[in-house]
Each structure stands twice: as structure tokens, then as C-alpha cells.
Amino acid sequence: MRVTRHKHAKKTMSFFKNSFGFREPYQVVVDGTVCQTALKFKINIHDQLTAYLGGSVSLYSTPCVMAELTTLGPALAGAVFVAKRMEFRKCKHRTPLTAAECLKSLVGDENPQRLMIATQEKSLRLCLRDIPGVPILFINYNCFLLENPSAAA
């Protein structure tokens, strides 16, 4: 299973490299839901993504994601700790938005910064599929998966 998963990731990443100009280090913006799921399955996000994507990875979070995680209470204290270890990407919001709205605004209409989004929220993944050139990562059990390119791509 592992070989087919890596072949799929390599094929999909070569599509994004050739069509949209993605290059290393891949910039992955991580949602709070991924931090919580990675903590649940004891996944090292950086190591797994580096091995899975076959290249160096830079992990980012946003102040809006951190604000959402802290307002959800002490049950997500571990996810807050995981998210604090990442670099922060400025999001230009005066008041914190929800993580989904923040990530949608960060990507914009055409994803000019070549960001990859890692999220577990199905509604956010559906919205991001309508934007061409946005690779979407999610965790299935104990490993990361890269969605197929959408019809918009």
C-alpha cells in the first residue's frame, strides 16, 4: 500500500510542478484539525510530509488558526503546542476569522504564493477544490494523503 501511495503523490506533485510552478521547499499551511489528528495518531507532521512529498517542506500556521485553537479550550492544548512550533504566515486580518475563512483568503482566487493546504475539514476541502492549483493534504488513519487535482485544475 505504501508504494502505491507514494507513486500517487509523486504523480500528483509532478502535475502541480509542471502546471502551476510548485517547487521545493513546499509551503504547507496547516489547519488546527490536522494538528489535533496528528497528535491523536502520534504523527510527526514535518517528517511524514517530507517523506511523502519527496522534497523539503516548510510548515506554516496563521494567527487565526491559533486564535481558533485557543478559544476551543484546554481539550486542544496539544494541538496548540504543535501549531506554535510552526512558522506563522501573516494573514492581514484585524480580528481573527475562523480557520477555514482565513485559509480561503490566504489562497485567494489563483493561489499565487503556491501554498499547499493541510486540513481535515470536508467543507473547506470542497471549497478549495474550486480554486485551480491548490494541492490539498489530509490525514487518513496514520498517514497523509494528497487529493487528486480537481476539475478546476
N, C-alpha and C. Protein backbone atom coordinates (compact mmCIF):
# COMPACT_ATOMS: atom_id res chain seq x y z
N MET A 1 0.82 -1.19 0.00
CA MET A 1 0.00 0.00 0.00
C MET A 1 0.86 1.25 0.00
N ARG A 2 1.99 1.19 0.72
CA ARG A 2 2.83 2.35 0.84
C ARG A 2 3.41 2.76 -0.52
N VAL A 3 3.78 1.79 -1.34
CA VAL A 3 4.36 2.09 -2.65
C VAL A 3 3.35 2.79 -3.54
N THR A 4 2.12 2.30 -3.56
CA THR A 4 1.11 2.93 -4.41
C THR A 4 0.78 4.34 -3.91
N ARG A 5 0.80 4.53 -2.59
CA ARG A 5 0.54 5.87 -2.04
C ARG A 5 1.62 6.85 -2.48
N HIS A 6 2.89 6.42 -2.43
CA HIS A 6 3.99 7.30 -2.82
C HIS A 6 4.00 7.54 -4.33
N LYS A 7 3.63 6.53 -5.11
CA LYS A 7 3.54 6.72 -6.56
C LYS A 7 2.46 7.74 -6.91
N HIS A 8 1.34 7.66 -6.20
CA HIS A 8 0.26 8.61 -6.42
C HIS A 8 0.71 10.04 -6.06
N ALA A 9 1.40 10.18 -4.94
CA ALA A 9 1.87 11.50 -4.52
C ALA A 9 2.88 12.05 -5.52
N LYS A 10 3.78 11.21 -5.99
CA LYS A 10 4.80 11.66 -6.95
C LYS A 10 4.15 12.11 -8.26
N LYS A 11 3.16 11.36 -8.72
CA LYS A 11 2.46 11.70 -9.95
C LYS A 11 1.68 13.01 -9.80
N THR A 12 0.99 13.16 -8.67
CA THR A 12 0.21 14.38 -8.44
C THR A 12 1.11 15.59 -8.27
N MET A 13 2.23 15.44 -7.55
CA MET A 13 3.14 16.57 -7.37
C MET A 13 3.81 16.95 -8.68
N SER A 14 4.10 16.00 -9.54
CA SER A 14 4.68 16.36 -10.84
C SER A 14 3.67 17.14 -11.67
N PHE A 15 2.38 16.83 -11.53
CA PHE A 15 1.35 17.62 -12.21
C PHE A 15 1.35 19.06 -11.72
N PHE A 16 1.39 19.24 -10.39
CA PHE A 16 1.38 20.60 -9.84
C PHE A 16 2.67 21.35 -10.16
N LYS A 17 3.79 20.65 -10.21
CA LYS A 17 5.06 21.30 -10.59
C LYS A 17 5.02 21.79 -12.03
N ASN A 18 4.57 20.94 -12.93
CA ASN A 18 4.57 21.28 -14.34
C ASN A 18 3.48 22.28 -14.71
N SER A 19 2.31 22.18 -14.09
CA SER A 19 1.19 23.02 -14.47
C SER A 19 1.15 24.36 -13.74
N PHE A 20 1.56 24.38 -12.48
CA PHE A 20 1.39 25.57 -11.67
C PHE A 20 2.69 26.13 -11.09
N GLY A 21 3.82 25.49 -11.34
CA GLY A 21 5.10 26.03 -10.92
C GLY A 21 5.44 25.81 -9.45
N PHE A 22 4.95 24.76 -8.85
CA PHE A 22 5.33 24.46 -7.47
C PHE A 22 6.79 24.01 -7.45
N ARG A 23 7.48 24.38 -6.38
CA ARG A 23 8.89 23.99 -6.24
C ARG A 23 9.22 23.84 -4.76
N GLU A 24 10.36 23.20 -4.51
CA GLU A 24 10.80 22.99 -3.13
C GLU A 24 11.38 24.28 -2.58
N PRO A 25 11.31 24.52 -1.31
CA PRO A 25 10.56 23.79 -0.29
C PRO A 25 9.06 24.04 -0.44
N TYR A 26 8.29 22.97 -0.37
CA TYR A 26 6.84 23.10 -0.47
C TYR A 26 6.32 23.83 0.75
N GLN A 27 5.45 24.82 0.53
CA GLN A 27 4.90 25.62 1.61
C GLN A 27 3.53 25.05 1.99
N VAL A 28 3.46 24.42 3.13
CA VAL A 28 2.24 23.77 3.58
C VAL A 28 1.66 24.56 4.75
N VAL A 29 0.43 25.05 4.57
CA VAL A 29 -0.27 25.75 5.64
C VAL A 29 -1.15 24.72 6.35
N VAL A 30 -0.93 24.58 7.65
CA VAL A 30 -1.57 23.52 8.42
C VAL A 30 -2.71 24.09 9.26
N ASP A 31 -3.84 23.42 9.20
CA ASP A 31 -5.03 23.78 9.96
C ASP A 31 -4.95 23.16 11.36
N GLY A 32 -5.73 23.65 12.28
CA GLY A 32 -5.73 23.12 13.64
C GLY A 32 -6.27 21.69 13.71
N THR A 33 -7.16 21.33 12.80
CA THR A 33 -7.69 19.97 12.80
C THR A 33 -6.63 18.95 12.45
N VAL A 34 -5.69 19.32 11.59
CA VAL A 34 -4.59 18.42 11.24
C VAL A 34 -3.66 18.27 12.43
N CYS A 35 -3.41 19.35 13.15
CA CYS A 35 -2.56 19.27 14.35
C CYS A 35 -3.17 18.32 15.37
N GLN A 36 -4.48 18.41 15.58
CA GLN A 36 -5.14 17.55 16.55
C GLN A 36 -5.12 16.09 16.09
N THR A 37 -5.37 15.85 14.81
CA THR A 37 -5.37 14.48 14.29
C THR A 37 -3.96 13.89 14.32
N ALA A 38 -2.95 14.70 13.99
CA ALA A 38 -1.57 14.22 14.03
C ALA A 38 -1.17 13.86 15.47
N LEU A 39 -1.64 14.63 16.41
CA LEU A 39 -1.36 14.32 17.82
C LEU A 39 -2.06 13.03 18.24
N LYS A 40 -3.27 12.84 17.76
CA LYS A 40 -4.04 11.64 18.09
C LYS A 40 -3.35 10.37 17.57
N PHE A 41 -2.83 10.44 16.33
CA PHE A 41 -2.18 9.27 15.73
C PHE A 41 -0.67 9.25 15.93
N LYS A 42 -0.14 10.21 16.71
CA LYS A 42 1.30 10.30 17.00
C LYS A 42 2.13 10.41 15.73
N ILE A 43 1.75 11.37 14.88
CA ILE A 43 2.43 11.61 13.61
C ILE A 43 3.32 12.83 13.73
N ASN A 44 4.55 12.72 13.28
CA ASN A 44 5.42 13.88 13.15
C ASN A 44 5.13 14.49 11.77
N ILE A 45 4.46 15.63 11.76
CA ILE A 45 3.96 16.22 10.51
C ILE A 45 5.10 16.50 9.54
N HIS A 46 6.16 17.12 10.02
CA HIS A 46 7.27 17.51 9.14
C HIS A 46 7.94 16.29 8.50
N ASP A 47 8.25 15.30 9.30
CA ASP A 47 8.93 14.11 8.78
C ASP A 47 8.05 13.34 7.80
N GLN A 48 6.77 13.19 8.13
CA GLN A 48 5.87 12.44 7.25
C GLN A 48 5.68 13.15 5.92
N LEU A 49 5.49 14.47 5.95
CA LEU A 49 5.28 15.20 4.70
C LEU A 49 6.54 15.23 3.84
N THR A 50 7.71 15.35 4.47
CA THR A 50 8.96 15.33 3.72
C THR A 50 9.13 13.99 2.99
N ALA A 51 8.86 12.91 3.68
CA ALA A 51 9.00 11.59 3.06
C ALA A 51 7.91 11.36 2.01
N TYR A 52 6.70 11.80 2.29
CA TYR A 52 5.57 11.55 1.39
C TYR A 52 5.67 12.36 0.10
N LEU A 53 6.03 13.64 0.21
CA LEU A 53 6.10 14.50 -0.96
C LEU A 53 7.42 14.38 -1.71
N GLY A 54 8.42 13.78 -1.08
CA GLY A 54 9.69 13.58 -1.74
C GLY A 54 10.51 14.85 -1.90
N GLY A 55 10.38 15.76 -0.98
CA GLY A 55 11.14 17.01 -1.02
C GLY A 55 11.03 17.74 0.29
N SER A 56 11.77 18.82 0.42
CA SER A 56 11.74 19.59 1.66
C SER A 56 10.42 20.33 1.80
N VAL A 57 10.01 20.54 3.06
CA VAL A 57 8.71 21.11 3.37
C VAL A 57 8.89 22.21 4.40
N SER A 58 8.18 23.32 4.21
CA SER A 58 8.09 24.38 5.23
C SER A 58 6.67 24.40 5.74
N LEU A 59 6.51 24.24 7.04
CA LEU A 59 5.18 24.21 7.65
C LEU A 59 4.82 25.58 8.20
N TYR A 60 3.59 25.99 7.94
CA TYR A 60 3.10 27.29 8.39
C TYR A 60 1.77 27.14 9.09
N SER A 61 1.50 28.07 9.98
CA SER A 61 0.20 28.22 10.60
C SER A 61 -0.14 29.70 10.52
N THR A 62 -1.33 30.09 10.88
CA THR A 62 -1.71 31.50 10.84
C THR A 62 -2.20 31.93 12.22
N PRO A 63 -2.19 33.23 12.50
CA PRO A 63 -2.72 33.71 13.78
C PRO A 63 -4.20 33.37 13.97
N CYS A 64 -4.96 33.32 12.89
CA CYS A 64 -6.38 32.98 13.00
C CYS A 64 -6.56 31.52 13.42
N VAL A 65 -5.71 30.63 12.92
CA VAL A 65 -5.76 29.22 13.33
C VAL A 65 -5.43 29.11 14.81
N MET A 66 -4.41 29.84 15.25
CA MET A 66 -4.04 29.81 16.67
C MET A 66 -5.16 30.36 17.55
N ALA A 67 -5.80 31.44 17.11
CA ALA A 67 -6.89 32.03 17.89
C ALA A 67 -8.06 31.05 18.00
N GLU A 68 -8.36 30.36 16.90
CA GLU A 68 -9.44 29.39 16.94
C GLU A 68 -9.11 28.22 17.88
N LEU A 69 -7.88 27.76 17.82
CA LEU A 69 -7.48 26.64 18.69
C LEU A 69 -7.54 27.03 20.17
N THR A 70 -7.10 28.24 20.48
CA THR A 70 -7.10 28.66 21.89
C THR A 70 -8.52 28.90 22.41
N THR A 71 -9.43 29.34 21.54
CA THR A 71 -10.80 29.57 22.00
C THR A 71 -11.57 28.27 22.18
N LEU A 72 -11.12 27.19 21.56
CA LEU A 72 -11.82 25.91 21.69
C LEU A 72 -11.54 25.21 23.02
N GLY A 73 -10.62 25.75 23.80
CA GLY A 73 -10.45 25.26 25.16
C GLY A 73 -9.27 24.36 25.39
N PRO A 74 -9.15 23.88 26.63
CA PRO A 74 -7.99 23.08 27.02
C PRO A 74 -7.95 21.68 26.40
N ALA A 75 -9.05 21.23 25.80
CA ALA A 75 -9.05 19.90 25.17
C ALA A 75 -8.09 19.87 23.98
N LEU A 76 -7.82 21.03 23.39
CA LEU A 76 -6.94 21.10 22.23
C LEU A 76 -5.59 21.73 22.58
N ALA A 77 -5.18 21.62 23.83
CA ALA A 77 -3.91 22.22 24.25
C ALA A 77 -2.73 21.60 23.51
N GLY A 78 -2.79 20.33 23.23
CA GLY A 78 -1.72 19.67 22.49
C GLY A 78 -1.62 20.18 21.07
N ALA A 79 -2.78 20.41 20.44
CA ALA A 79 -2.79 20.95 19.08
C ALA A 79 -2.23 22.37 19.06
N VAL A 80 -2.50 23.14 20.10
CA VAL A 80 -1.94 24.49 20.20
C VAL A 80 -0.42 24.42 20.28
N PHE A 81 0.08 23.49 21.06
CA PHE A 81 1.53 23.33 21.20
C PHE A 81 2.16 22.93 19.86
N VAL A 82 1.53 22.03 19.13
CA VAL A 82 2.04 21.61 17.81
C VAL A 82 2.03 22.79 16.85
N ALA A 83 0.95 23.56 16.84
CA ALA A 83 0.84 24.69 15.92
C ALA A 83 1.82 25.81 16.27
N LYS A 84 2.15 25.98 17.55
CA LYS A 84 3.10 27.04 17.94
C LYS A 84 4.51 26.76 17.45
N ARG A 85 4.83 25.49 17.21
CA ARG A 85 6.17 25.14 16.75
C ARG A 85 6.39 25.47 15.27
N MET A 86 5.32 25.80 14.56
CA MET A 86 5.43 26.13 13.13
C MET A 86 5.67 27.62 12.95
N GLU A 87 6.13 27.97 11.75
CA GLU A 87 6.26 29.38 11.41
C GLU A 87 4.87 29.96 11.19
N PHE A 88 4.75 31.28 11.39
CA PHE A 88 3.46 31.92 11.20
C PHE A 88 3.44 32.68 9.89
N ARG A 89 2.37 32.52 9.17
CA ARG A 89 2.14 33.20 7.91
C ARG A 89 1.18 34.34 8.20
N LYS A 90 1.55 35.56 7.84
CA LYS A 90 0.69 36.73 8.09
C LYS A 90 -0.58 36.60 7.26
N CYS A 91 -1.70 36.96 7.88
CA CYS A 91 -2.97 36.80 7.17
C CYS A 91 -3.76 38.10 7.00
N LYS A 92 -3.27 39.22 7.48
CA LYS A 92 -3.85 40.54 7.24
C LYS A 92 -5.27 40.73 7.76
N HIS A 93 -5.68 39.98 8.77
CA HIS A 93 -7.00 40.18 9.36
C HIS A 93 -6.85 40.93 10.67
N ARG A 94 -7.63 41.96 10.84
CA ARG A 94 -7.58 42.73 12.09
C ARG A 94 -8.16 41.91 13.24
N THR A 95 -9.33 41.34 13.01
CA THR A 95 -9.94 40.45 14.00
C THR A 95 -9.84 39.02 13.49
N PRO A 96 -9.58 38.07 14.36
CA PRO A 96 -9.41 36.69 13.90
C PRO A 96 -10.68 36.12 13.27
N LEU A 97 -10.51 35.50 12.12
CA LEU A 97 -11.59 34.79 11.46
C LEU A 97 -11.51 33.32 11.84
N THR A 98 -12.47 32.54 11.34
CA THR A 98 -12.35 31.10 11.52
C THR A 98 -11.17 30.62 10.67
N ALA A 99 -10.66 29.47 11.01
CA ALA A 99 -9.50 28.94 10.28
C ALA A 99 -9.85 28.70 8.82
N ALA A 100 -11.05 28.22 8.55
CA ALA A 100 -11.46 27.95 7.16
C ALA A 100 -11.49 29.23 6.34
N GLU A 101 -12.08 30.28 6.88
CA GLU A 101 -12.16 31.56 6.16
C GLU A 101 -10.77 32.16 5.97
N CYS A 102 -9.92 32.03 6.96
CA CYS A 102 -8.56 32.56 6.88
C CYS A 102 -7.77 31.84 5.78
N LEU A 103 -7.87 30.52 5.74
CA LEU A 103 -7.13 29.76 4.72
C LEU A 103 -7.66 30.05 3.33
N LYS A 104 -8.98 30.22 3.20
CA LYS A 104 -9.55 30.57 1.88
C LYS A 104 -9.03 31.93 1.41
N SER A 105 -8.97 32.90 2.32
CA SER A 105 -8.48 34.22 1.94
C SER A 105 -6.98 34.21 1.67
N LEU A 106 -6.25 33.34 2.35
CA LEU A 106 -4.80 33.22 2.14
C LEU A 106 -4.49 32.68 0.76
N VAL A 107 -5.28 31.73 0.30
CA VAL A 107 -5.09 31.14 -1.02
C VAL A 107 -5.58 32.10 -2.11
N GLY A 108 -6.69 32.78 -1.87
CA GLY A 108 -7.23 33.71 -2.85
C GLY A 108 -7.92 32.98 -3.99
N ASP A 109 -7.96 33.62 -5.17
CA ASP A 109 -8.63 33.03 -6.32
C ASP A 109 -7.72 32.17 -7.18
N GLU A 110 -6.41 32.42 -7.13
CA GLU A 110 -5.50 31.71 -8.02
C GLU A 110 -4.30 31.10 -7.32
N ASN A 111 -4.19 31.21 -6.02
CA ASN A 111 -3.06 30.67 -5.25
C ASN A 111 -1.72 31.17 -5.80
N PRO A 112 -1.49 32.48 -5.81
CA PRO A 112 -0.24 33.00 -6.39
C PRO A 112 1.01 32.65 -5.58
N GLN A 113 0.85 32.33 -4.28
CA GLN A 113 2.01 32.03 -3.44
C GLN A 113 2.36 30.55 -3.45
N ARG A 114 1.63 29.75 -4.22
CA ARG A 114 1.89 28.30 -4.35
C ARG A 114 1.85 27.58 -3.00
N LEU A 115 0.75 27.78 -2.29
CA LEU A 115 0.59 27.16 -0.97
C LEU A 115 -0.14 25.83 -1.09
N MET A 116 0.25 24.90 -0.25
CA MET A 116 -0.48 23.65 -0.10
C MET A 116 -1.24 23.75 1.22
N ILE A 117 -2.47 23.23 1.25
CA ILE A 117 -3.30 23.33 2.44
C ILE A 117 -3.49 21.94 3.03
N ALA A 118 -3.22 21.80 4.33
CA ALA A 118 -3.45 20.55 5.05
C ALA A 118 -4.61 20.78 6.01
N THR A 119 -5.72 20.09 5.77
CA THR A 119 -6.91 20.25 6.60
C THR A 119 -7.70 18.95 6.66
N GLN A 120 -8.47 18.81 7.71
CA GLN A 120 -9.35 17.66 7.87
C GLN A 120 -10.81 18.04 7.60
N GLU A 121 -11.11 19.34 7.49
CA GLU A 121 -12.48 19.80 7.32
C GLU A 121 -12.96 19.53 5.90
N LYS A 122 -14.02 18.75 5.77
CA LYS A 122 -14.53 18.40 4.45
C LYS A 122 -15.11 19.61 3.74
N SER A 123 -15.75 20.52 4.47
CA SER A 123 -16.34 21.70 3.83
C SER A 123 -15.25 22.61 3.25
N LEU A 124 -14.14 22.76 3.96
CA LEU A 124 -13.03 23.56 3.45
C LEU A 124 -12.41 22.90 2.23
N ARG A 125 -12.26 21.59 2.28
CA ARG A 125 -11.69 20.87 1.14
C ARG A 125 -12.58 21.03 -0.10
N LEU A 126 -13.90 21.01 0.08
CA LEU A 126 -14.81 21.21 -1.04
C LEU A 126 -14.66 22.61 -1.64
N CYS A 127 -14.52 23.61 -0.80
CA CYS A 127 -14.35 24.99 -1.28
C CYS A 127 -13.02 25.16 -2.00
N LEU A 128 -11.97 24.53 -1.49
CA LEU A 128 -10.64 24.67 -2.10
C LEU A 128 -10.53 23.93 -3.42
N ARG A 129 -11.38 22.93 -3.64
CA ARG A 129 -11.35 22.21 -4.92
C ARG A 129 -11.78 23.09 -6.08
N ASP A 130 -12.55 24.14 -5.80
CA ASP A 130 -13.00 25.05 -6.86
C ASP A 130 -11.92 26.01 -7.31
N ILE A 131 -10.83 26.10 -6.55
CA ILE A 131 -9.73 27.01 -6.88
C ILE A 131 -8.64 26.20 -7.59
N PRO A 132 -8.27 26.61 -8.79
CA PRO A 132 -7.24 25.84 -9.51
C PRO A 132 -5.86 26.01 -8.87
N GLY A 133 -5.10 24.93 -8.83
CA GLY A 133 -3.73 24.99 -8.35
C GLY A 133 -3.55 24.95 -6.85
N VAL A 134 -4.48 24.31 -6.13
CA VAL A 134 -4.36 24.19 -4.68
C VAL A 134 -4.27 22.71 -4.31
N PRO A 135 -3.08 22.21 -3.98
CA PRO A 135 -2.97 20.84 -3.50
C PRO A 135 -3.52 20.74 -2.08
N ILE A 136 -4.34 19.73 -1.84
CA ILE A 136 -4.99 19.57 -0.54
C ILE A 136 -4.48 18.27 0.09
N LEU A 137 -3.97 18.39 1.31
CA LEU A 137 -3.49 17.24 2.07
C LEU A 137 -4.43 16.98 3.23
N PHE A 138 -4.58 15.71 3.59
CA PHE A 138 -5.35 15.35 4.77
C PHE A 138 -4.79 14.07 5.35
N ILE A 139 -5.19 13.76 6.57
CA ILE A 139 -4.70 12.56 7.25
C ILE A 139 -5.80 11.50 7.21
N ASN A 140 -5.43 10.31 6.77
CA ASN A 140 -6.33 9.18 6.79
C ASN A 140 -5.69 8.11 7.68
N TYR A 141 -6.28 7.87 8.83
CA TYR A 141 -5.73 7.00 9.86
C TYR A 141 -4.35 7.50 10.30
N ASN A 142 -3.27 6.89 9.86
CA ASN A 142 -1.97 7.30 10.38
C ASN A 142 -1.03 7.82 9.30
N CYS A 143 -1.56 8.27 8.17
CA CYS A 143 -0.69 8.77 7.11
C CYS A 143 -1.35 9.91 6.35
N PHE A 144 -0.52 10.74 5.73
CA PHE A 144 -1.02 11.83 4.92
C PHE A 144 -1.40 11.34 3.54
N LEU A 145 -2.41 11.96 2.96
CA LEU A 145 -2.82 11.68 1.59
C LEU A 145 -2.97 13.00 0.86
N LEU A 146 -2.65 12.97 -0.42
CA LEU A 146 -2.77 14.14 -1.29
C LEU A 146 -3.95 13.89 -2.21
N GLU A 147 -4.89 14.82 -2.22
CA GLU A 147 -6.07 14.65 -3.09
C GLU A 147 -5.67 14.74 -4.55
N ASN A 148 -6.45 14.10 -5.40
CA ASN A 148 -6.26 14.23 -6.83
C ASN A 148 -6.51 15.67 -7.24
N PRO A 149 -5.88 16.14 -8.32
CA PRO A 149 -6.18 17.50 -8.79
C PRO A 149 -7.66 17.62 -9.14
N SER A 150 -8.25 18.75 -8.80
CA SER A 150 -9.67 18.96 -9.03
C SER A 150 -9.93 19.24 -10.50
N ALA A 151 -11.19 19.26 -10.87
CA ALA A 151 -11.58 19.55 -12.24
C ALA A 151 -11.22 21.00 -12.61
N ALA A 152 -11.17 21.89 -11.61
CA ALA A 152 -10.80 23.29 -11.86
C ALA A 152 -9.34 23.41 -12.28
N ALA A 153 -8.50 22.46 -11.88
CA ALA A 153 -7.09 22.49 -12.24
C ALA A 153 -6.91 22.02 -13.67
